[in-house]
Amino acid sequence: MPSRLINVKCENCKAEIQLDEETVTLKRMLGKKIECPMCRNIRIAKNLEISARMFSGEYEEEIDFEELRKRLNAKEVQSIF
């Protein structure tokens, strides 16, 4: 039986797109964003660029420890820092 296409909005640019209902359900269960093809391609290109720069030694990721502390609960913060 063919999958049913449903209309959803891209969570980045708000464009209305049609996606397979099972795909949308799975992405939501996994906590992933629903993206249009253009936003998905832009995200992947940025990730590839960062990876290439990291492996070539041109990029060092900056870590915002204050933001990290806010996201972790107090017990986790004490054990890490």
C-alpha atoms as a PDB file:
ATOM      1  CA  MET A   1       0.000   0.000   0.000  1.00  0.00           C
ATOM      2  CA  PRO A   2       1.489   3.385  -0.965  1.00  0.00           C
ATOM      3  CA  SER A   3       2.254   5.869   1.774  1.00  0.00           C
ATOM      4  CA  ARG A   4      -0.030   8.817   2.295  1.00  0.00           C
ATOM      5  CA  LEU A   5       1.366  12.284   1.599  1.00  0.00           C
ATOM      6  CA  ILE A   6       0.438  15.029   4.037  1.00  0.00           C
ATOM      7  CA  ASN A   7       0.951  18.778   3.985  1.00  0.00           C
ATOM      8  CA  VAL A   8       3.363  20.061   6.634  1.00  0.00           C
ATOM      9  CA  LYS A   9       5.331  23.263   7.142  1.00  0.00           C
ATOM     10  CA  CYS A  10       9.109  23.438   7.159  1.00  0.00           C
ATOM     11  CA  GLU A  11      10.166  24.344  10.697  1.00  0.00           C
ATOM     12  CA  ASN A  12      12.892  26.648   9.351  1.00  0.00           C
ATOM     13  CA  CYS A  13      11.422  28.664   6.486  1.00  0.00           C
ATOM     14  CA  LYS A  14       7.712  27.820   7.005  1.00  0.00           C
ATOM     15  CA  ALA A  15       7.301  26.651   3.399  1.00  0.00           C
ATOM     16  CA  GLU A  16       4.421  24.217   2.924  1.00  0.00           C
ATOM     17  CA  ILE A  17       5.615  20.849   1.646  1.00  0.00           C
ATOM     18  CA  GLN A  18       4.232  17.366   1.128  1.00  0.00           C
ATOM     19  CA  LEU A  19       5.910  14.523   2.974  1.00  0.00           C
ATOM     20  CA  ASP A  20       5.140  10.905   3.623  1.00  0.00           C
ATOM     21  CA  GLU A  21       3.043  10.593   6.780  1.00  0.00           C
ATOM     22  CA  GLU A  22       5.220   7.804   8.202  1.00  0.00           C
ATOM     23  CA  THR A  23       8.359   9.899   7.687  1.00  0.00           C
ATOM     24  CA  VAL A  24       6.808  12.865   9.509  1.00  0.00           C
ATOM     25  CA  THR A  25       5.701  10.627  12.390  1.00  0.00           C
ATOM     26  CA  LEU A  26       9.169   9.073  12.699  1.00  0.00           C
ATOM     27  CA  LYS A  27      10.942  12.455  12.594  1.00  0.00           C
ATOM     28  CA  ARG A  28       8.680  13.777  15.333  1.00  0.00           C
ATOM     29  CA  MET A  29       9.241  10.677  17.490  1.00  0.00           C
ATOM     30  CA  LEU A  30      13.009  11.138  17.110  1.00  0.00           C
ATOM     31  CA  GLY A  31      12.801  14.863  17.893  1.00  0.00           C
ATOM     32  CA  LYS A  32      14.041  15.854  14.445  1.00  0.00           C
ATOM     33  CA  LYS A  33      12.945  18.950  12.563  1.00  0.00           C
ATOM     34  CA  ILE A  34      10.579  18.767   9.626  1.00  0.00           C
ATOM     35  CA  GLU A  35      12.512  20.468   6.816  1.00  0.00           C
ATOM     36  CA  CYS A  36      11.871  21.315   3.190  1.00  0.00           C
ATOM     37  CA  PRO A  37      14.471  20.010   0.722  1.00  0.00           C
ATOM     38  CA  MET A  38      16.170  23.421   0.438  1.00  0.00           C
ATOM     39  CA  CYS A  39      16.618  23.868   4.202  1.00  0.00           C
ATOM     40  CA  ARG A  40      17.777  20.249   4.544  1.00  0.00           C
ATOM     41  CA  ASN A  41      20.373  20.739   1.805  1.00  0.00           C
ATOM     42  CA  ILE A  42      21.619  23.974   3.401  1.00  0.00           C
ATOM     43  CA  ARG A  43      21.960  22.241   6.797  1.00  0.00           C
ATOM     44  CA  ILE A  44      23.838  19.305   5.295  1.00  0.00           C
ATOM     45  CA  ALA A  45      26.148  21.610   3.310  1.00  0.00           C
ATOM     46  CA  LYS A  46      26.994  23.573   6.482  1.00  0.00           C
ATOM     47  CA  ASN A  47      27.705  20.346   8.376  1.00  0.00           C
ATOM     48  CA  LEU A  48      29.943  19.089   5.563  1.00  0.00           C
ATOM     49  CA  GLU A  49      31.814  22.406   5.485  1.00  0.00           C
ATOM     50  CA  ILE A  50      32.388  22.312   9.249  1.00  0.00           C
ATOM     51  CA  SER A  51      33.554  18.680   9.049  1.00  0.00           C
ATOM     52  CA  ALA A  52      35.975  19.473   6.220  1.00  0.00           C
ATOM     53  CA  ARG A  53      37.370  22.460   8.142  1.00  0.00           C
ATOM     54  CA  MET A  54      37.734  20.407  11.325  1.00  0.00           C
ATOM     55  CA  PHE A  55      39.667  17.637   9.577  1.00  0.00           C
ATOM     56  CA  SER A  56      41.894  20.139   7.792  1.00  0.00           C
ATOM     57  CA  GLY A  57      42.710  21.876  11.092  1.00  0.00           C
ATOM     58  CA  GLU A  58      41.137  25.211  10.083  1.00  0.00           C
ATOM     59  CA  TYR A  59      38.237  25.084  12.549  1.00  0.00           C
ATOM     60  CA  GLU A  60      37.929  24.798  16.285  1.00  0.00           C
ATOM     61  CA  GLU A  61      34.478  24.564  17.774  1.00  0.00           C
ATOM     62  CA  GLU A  62      33.761  27.067  20.503  1.00  0.00           C
ATOM     63  CA  ILE A  63      31.823  25.665  23.435  1.00  0.00           C
ATOM     64  CA  ASP A  64      29.485  27.945  25.357  1.00  0.00           C
ATOM     65  CA  PHE A  65      29.807  26.403  28.819  1.00  0.00           C
ATOM     66  CA  GLU A  66      27.229  28.754  30.334  1.00  0.00           C
ATOM     67  CA  GLU A  67      24.595  27.545  27.855  1.00  0.00           C
ATOM     68  CA  LEU A  68      25.651  23.946  28.472  1.00  0.00           C
ATOM     69  CA  ARG A  69      25.241  24.390  32.236  1.00  0.00           C
ATOM     70  CA  LYS A  70      21.729  25.786  31.729  1.00  0.00           C
ATOM     71  CA  ARG A  71      20.721  22.741  29.699  1.00  0.00           C
ATOM     72  CA  LEU A  72      22.080  20.196  32.170  1.00  0.00           C
ATOM     73  CA  ASN A  73      20.525  19.654  35.561  1.00  0.00           C
ATOM     74  CA  ALA A  74      22.498  20.632  38.663  1.00  0.00           C
ATOM     75  CA  LYS A  75      23.645  17.076  39.499  1.00  0.00           C
ATOM     76  CA  GLU A  76      25.112  16.569  36.008  1.00  0.00           C
ATOM     77  CA  VAL A  77      26.891  19.935  36.128  1.00  0.00           C
ATOM     78  CA  GLN A  78      28.613  19.129  39.428  1.00  0.00           C
ATOM     79  CA  SER A  79      29.883  15.792  38.130  1.00  0.00           C
ATOM     80  CA  ILE A  80      31.215  17.279  34.879  1.00  0.00           C
ATOM     81  CA  PHE A  81      32.782  20.538  36.061  1.00  0.00           C
END
